[in-house]
Amino acid sequence: MCLAIPAKVISVEGKLATVELAGTRAQARLDALGEEVRAGDWLLIHTGFAIRRLDPQDAQETLKLFDELFSSLEREDAG
């Protein structure tokens, strides 16, 4: 199973973007995207590669679902 995660673009230098999620910054390659990426865009990141641009609302909804999943798992571990 593969997992991709939404991240917000902070800056772009050539084919490399600095992205941020929950206060953590990382680098993401843009080679797999055939479109221009700018600071403020949301991208779906998988293994360090941007695989898709996301609508900001879709990104926020996905992050909310991740939060709900993690909360559910924490409750299971505590129970």
C-alpha atoms as a PDB file:
ATOM      1  CA  MET A   1       0.000   0.000   0.000  1.00  0.00           C
ATOM      2  CA  CYS A   2       1.239   3.496  -0.834  1.00  0.00           C
ATOM      3  CA  LEU A   3       0.602   6.642   1.133  1.00  0.00           C
ATOM      4  CA  ALA A   4       0.738  10.153  -0.262  1.00  0.00           C
ATOM      5  CA  ILE A   5       0.304  13.211   1.908  1.00  0.00           C
ATOM      6  CA  PRO A   6      -0.725  16.810   1.151  1.00  0.00           C
ATOM      7  CA  ALA A   7       1.862  19.509   1.793  1.00  0.00           C
ATOM      8  CA  LYS A   8       1.952  23.252   1.155  1.00  0.00           C
ATOM      9  CA  VAL A   9       4.673  24.682  -1.070  1.00  0.00           C
ATOM     10  CA  ILE A  10       6.857  27.228   0.718  1.00  0.00           C
ATOM     11  CA  SER A  11       9.312  27.889  -2.109  1.00  0.00           C
ATOM     12  CA  VAL A  12      10.422  26.500  -5.461  1.00  0.00           C
ATOM     13  CA  GLU A  13      13.919  26.325  -6.908  1.00  0.00           C
ATOM     14  CA  GLY A  14      14.044  24.643 -10.294  1.00  0.00           C
ATOM     15  CA  LYS A  15      12.621  21.138  -9.923  1.00  0.00           C
ATOM     16  CA  LEU A  16      12.799  21.154  -6.121  1.00  0.00           C
ATOM     17  CA  ALA A  17      10.138  22.504  -3.787  1.00  0.00           C
ATOM     18  CA  THR A  18      10.347  23.169  -0.092  1.00  0.00           C
ATOM     19  CA  VAL A  19       7.050  21.976   1.377  1.00  0.00           C
ATOM     20  CA  GLU A  20       5.570  22.149   4.850  1.00  0.00           C
ATOM     21  CA  LEU A  21       3.139  20.001   6.766  1.00  0.00           C
ATOM     22  CA  ALA A  22       2.293  20.491  10.431  1.00  0.00           C
ATOM     23  CA  GLY A  23       5.337  22.687  10.974  1.00  0.00           C
ATOM     24  CA  THR A  24       7.781  20.243   9.395  1.00  0.00           C
ATOM     25  CA  ARG A  25       9.597  21.250   6.230  1.00  0.00           C
ATOM     26  CA  ALA A  26      10.930  18.860   3.616  1.00  0.00           C
ATOM     27  CA  GLN A  27      12.105  18.826   0.023  1.00  0.00           C
ATOM     28  CA  ALA A  28       9.973  17.411  -2.779  1.00  0.00           C
ATOM     29  CA  ARG A  29      11.023  16.731  -6.362  1.00  0.00           C
ATOM     30  CA  LEU A  30       8.770  18.205  -9.042  1.00  0.00           C
ATOM     31  CA  ASP A  31       9.976  16.071 -11.973  1.00  0.00           C
ATOM     32  CA  ALA A  32       6.794  13.972 -12.119  1.00  0.00           C
ATOM     33  CA  LEU A  33       4.533  17.021 -12.501  1.00  0.00           C
ATOM     34  CA  GLY A  34       3.999  18.481 -15.920  1.00  0.00           C
ATOM     35  CA  GLU A  35       2.884  21.856 -14.624  1.00  0.00           C
ATOM     36  CA  GLU A  36       4.314  24.938 -12.968  1.00  0.00           C
ATOM     37  CA  VAL A  37       4.352  24.987  -9.176  1.00  0.00           C
ATOM     38  CA  ARG A  38       4.392  28.147  -7.063  1.00  0.00           C
ATOM     39  CA  ALA A  39       4.673  29.010  -3.390  1.00  0.00           C
ATOM     40  CA  GLY A  40       1.269  28.594  -1.765  1.00  0.00           C
ATOM     41  CA  ASP A  41       0.233  25.628  -3.936  1.00  0.00           C
ATOM     42  CA  TRP A  42      -0.750  22.361  -2.295  1.00  0.00           C
ATOM     43  CA  LEU A  43       0.825  19.160  -3.588  1.00  0.00           C
ATOM     44  CA  LEU A  44       0.291  15.484  -2.967  1.00  0.00           C
ATOM     45  CA  ILE A  45       3.711  14.083  -1.968  1.00  0.00           C
ATOM     46  CA  HIS A  46       4.763  10.429  -2.184  1.00  0.00           C
ATOM     47  CA  THR A  47       8.304   9.290  -1.301  1.00  0.00           C
ATOM     48  CA  GLY A  48       9.704  12.767  -1.839  1.00  0.00           C
ATOM     49  CA  PHE A  49       8.032  13.362  -5.207  1.00  0.00           C
ATOM     50  CA  ALA A  50       5.101  15.648  -5.952  1.00  0.00           C
ATOM     51  CA  ILE A  51       2.596  13.504  -7.836  1.00  0.00           C
ATOM     52  CA  ARG A  52      -0.354  15.884  -8.109  1.00  0.00           C
ATOM     53  CA  ARG A  53      -1.403  19.456  -7.394  1.00  0.00           C
ATOM     54  CA  LEU A  54      -4.340  19.675  -4.976  1.00  0.00           C
ATOM     55  CA  ASP A  55      -7.127  22.154  -4.519  1.00  0.00           C
ATOM     56  CA  PRO A  56      -6.553  23.831  -1.117  1.00  0.00           C
ATOM     57  CA  GLN A  57      -9.972  22.648   0.130  1.00  0.00           C
ATOM     58  CA  ASP A  58      -9.223  19.060  -0.875  1.00  0.00           C
ATOM     59  CA  ALA A  59      -5.858  19.254   0.879  1.00  0.00           C
ATOM     60  CA  GLN A  60      -7.455  20.517   4.103  1.00  0.00           C
ATOM     61  CA  GLU A  61     -10.163  17.844   3.958  1.00  0.00           C
ATOM     62  CA  THR A  62      -7.538  15.129   3.504  1.00  0.00           C
ATOM     63  CA  LEU A  63      -5.490  16.457   6.424  1.00  0.00           C
ATOM     64  CA  LYS A  64      -8.637  16.495   8.570  1.00  0.00           C
ATOM     65  CA  LEU A  65      -9.238  12.828   7.700  1.00  0.00           C
ATOM     66  CA  PHE A  66      -5.645  11.995   8.666  1.00  0.00           C
ATOM     67  CA  ASP A  67      -6.167  13.764  12.015  1.00  0.00           C
ATOM     68  CA  GLU A  68      -9.347  11.754  12.636  1.00  0.00           C
ATOM     69  CA  LEU A  69      -7.543   8.515  11.770  1.00  0.00           C
ATOM     70  CA  PHE A  70      -4.615   9.277  14.090  1.00  0.00           C
ATOM     71  CA  SER A  71      -6.983  10.253  16.914  1.00  0.00           C
ATOM     72  CA  SER A  72      -8.867   7.005  16.475  1.00  0.00           C
ATOM     73  CA  LEU A  73      -5.642   4.985  16.591  1.00  0.00           C
ATOM     74  CA  GLU A  74      -4.499   6.828  19.735  1.00  0.00           C
ATOM     75  CA  ARG A  75      -7.809   6.000  21.444  1.00  0.00           C
ATOM     76  CA  GLU A  76      -7.396   2.339  20.516  1.00  0.00           C
ATOM     77  CA  ASP A  77      -3.861   2.285  21.944  1.00  0.00           C
ATOM     78  CA  ALA A  78      -5.015   3.941  25.174  1.00  0.00           C
ATOM     79  CA  GLY A  79      -7.976   1.580  25.581  1.00  0.00           C
END
